[in-house]
Amino acid sequence: MLANKNAEKLLEERDESYGNTPLHVACGLHSYIFTSLLIEAGSSLTTLNNAGFTPEGVIDDEIQAYKGHLNGPEKDFTLERLTLVKSLFAEKNYVEK
């Protein structure tokens, strides 16, 4: 949890176009470090964006999209990265605030 109320509020801010929280964005960028930090800081795992996706749902959608791509090192690398980021959601039994 973050000590500063403004910092906690920032975790739940949404972008004006897609309704994504910082955690949605980190997941969409396939960023293990940012996703991990945001989860540890207390970001909601159940917030839906405008498309109806939770942050983990963003990862699931990306995995499905990449599975449809032609085979090759970029596809393999990206799927490996997405699987690693997704593991953060199952790694611990996170409890919502």
Protein backbone atom coordinates (compact mmCIF):
# COMPACT_ATOMS: atom_id res chain seq x y z
CA MET A 1 0.00 0.00 0.00
CA LEU A 2 1.10 3.53 -0.67
CA ALA A 3 1.35 5.92 2.24
CA ASN A 4 0.30 9.00 0.31
CA LYS A 5 -3.44 9.40 -0.45
CA ASN A 6 -2.66 11.18 -3.73
CA ALA A 7 -0.45 8.28 -4.80
CA GLU A 8 -3.23 5.81 -3.93
CA LYS A 9 -5.67 7.88 -6.01
CA LEU A 10 -3.26 7.76 -8.95
CA LEU A 11 -3.47 3.93 -8.94
CA GLU A 12 -7.17 4.18 -9.81
CA GLU A 13 -7.00 7.07 -12.29
CA ARG A 14 -8.23 6.22 -15.78
CA ASP A 15 -7.13 7.48 -19.15
CA GLU A 16 -9.68 9.59 -20.97
CA SER A 17 -9.85 7.43 -24.10
CA TYR A 18 -10.06 3.82 -22.99
CA GLY A 19 -10.74 3.94 -19.27
CA ASN A 20 -7.47 2.15 -18.49
CA THR A 21 -5.87 2.34 -15.07
CA PRO A 22 -2.08 2.39 -14.78
CA LEU A 23 -2.24 -1.38 -14.21
CA HIS A 24 -4.18 -1.89 -17.47
CA VAL A 25 -1.51 0.14 -19.29
CA ALA A 26 1.37 -1.79 -17.71
CA CYS A 27 -0.27 -5.08 -18.71
CA GLY A 28 -0.83 -3.78 -22.25
CA LEU A 29 2.85 -2.90 -22.45
CA HIS A 30 3.76 -6.43 -21.25
CA SER A 31 5.83 -4.85 -18.46
CA TYR A 32 6.68 -7.31 -15.70
CA ILE A 33 8.35 -4.64 -13.54
CA PHE A 34 5.58 -2.02 -13.75
CA THR A 35 2.83 -4.61 -13.36
CA SER A 36 4.54 -6.08 -10.32
CA LEU A 37 5.06 -2.67 -8.71
CA LEU A 38 1.47 -1.60 -9.33
CA ILE A 39 0.05 -4.83 -7.90
CA GLU A 40 2.28 -4.55 -4.83
CA ALA A 41 1.21 -0.90 -4.41
CA GLY A 42 -2.43 -1.98 -4.18
CA SER A 43 -3.88 -1.47 -7.67
CA SER A 44 -7.29 -3.01 -8.16
CA LEU A 45 -7.18 -6.28 -10.07
CA THR A 46 -10.90 -6.18 -10.85
CA THR A 47 -11.39 -2.71 -12.36
CA LEU A 48 -12.88 -2.90 -15.85
CA ASN A 49 -11.78 -0.61 -18.67
CA ASN A 50 -14.20 0.70 -21.33
CA ALA A 51 -13.81 -2.54 -23.31
CA GLY A 52 -14.85 -4.56 -20.25
CA PHE A 53 -11.37 -5.98 -19.50
CA THR A 54 -9.69 -6.31 -16.13
CA PRO A 55 -5.91 -5.80 -16.20
CA GLU A 56 -5.44 -9.58 -16.37
CA GLY A 57 -8.04 -9.67 -19.14
CA VAL A 58 -5.85 -7.28 -21.15
CA ILE A 59 -3.05 -9.84 -20.92
CA ASP A 60 -5.39 -12.69 -21.90
CA ASP A 61 -6.57 -10.70 -24.91
CA GLU A 62 -2.96 -9.99 -25.95
CA ILE A 63 -2.06 -13.69 -25.61
CA GLN A 64 -4.95 -14.68 -27.87
CA ALA A 65 -3.98 -12.02 -30.42
CA TYR A 66 -0.35 -13.14 -30.53
CA LYS A 67 -1.29 -16.81 -30.83
CA GLY A 68 -2.84 -15.88 -34.18
CA HIS A 69 0.41 -14.40 -35.53
CA LEU A 70 2.82 -16.25 -37.75
CA ASN A 71 5.42 -18.33 -35.95
CA GLY A 72 8.77 -16.78 -35.28
CA PRO A 73 11.09 -15.47 -32.60
CA GLU A 74 9.10 -12.26 -32.01
CA LYS A 75 5.89 -14.22 -31.40
CA ASP A 76 7.65 -16.65 -29.08
CA PHE A 77 9.34 -13.84 -27.15
CA THR A 78 6.11 -11.88 -26.77
CA LEU A 79 4.08 -14.90 -25.64
CA GLU A 80 6.81 -15.78 -23.14
CA ARG A 81 6.75 -12.20 -21.83
CA LEU A 82 2.95 -12.14 -21.57
CA THR A 83 2.94 -15.45 -19.71
CA LEU A 84 5.49 -14.07 -17.26
CA VAL A 85 3.38 -10.94 -16.62
CA LYS A 86 0.22 -13.06 -16.26
CA SER A 87 1.99 -15.18 -13.62
CA LEU A 88 1.99 -12.14 -11.32
CA PHE A 89 -1.77 -12.47 -10.95
CA ALA A 90 -1.58 -16.12 -9.89
CA GLU A 91 1.74 -15.91 -8.01
CA LYS A 92 0.10 -14.78 -4.79
CA ASN A 93 -3.45 -14.73 -3.52
CA TYR A 94 -3.93 -10.99 -3.79
CA VAL A 95 -6.76 -9.62 -1.71
CA GLU A 96 -8.69 -6.61 -2.92
CA LYS A 97 -8.64 -3.56 -0.66
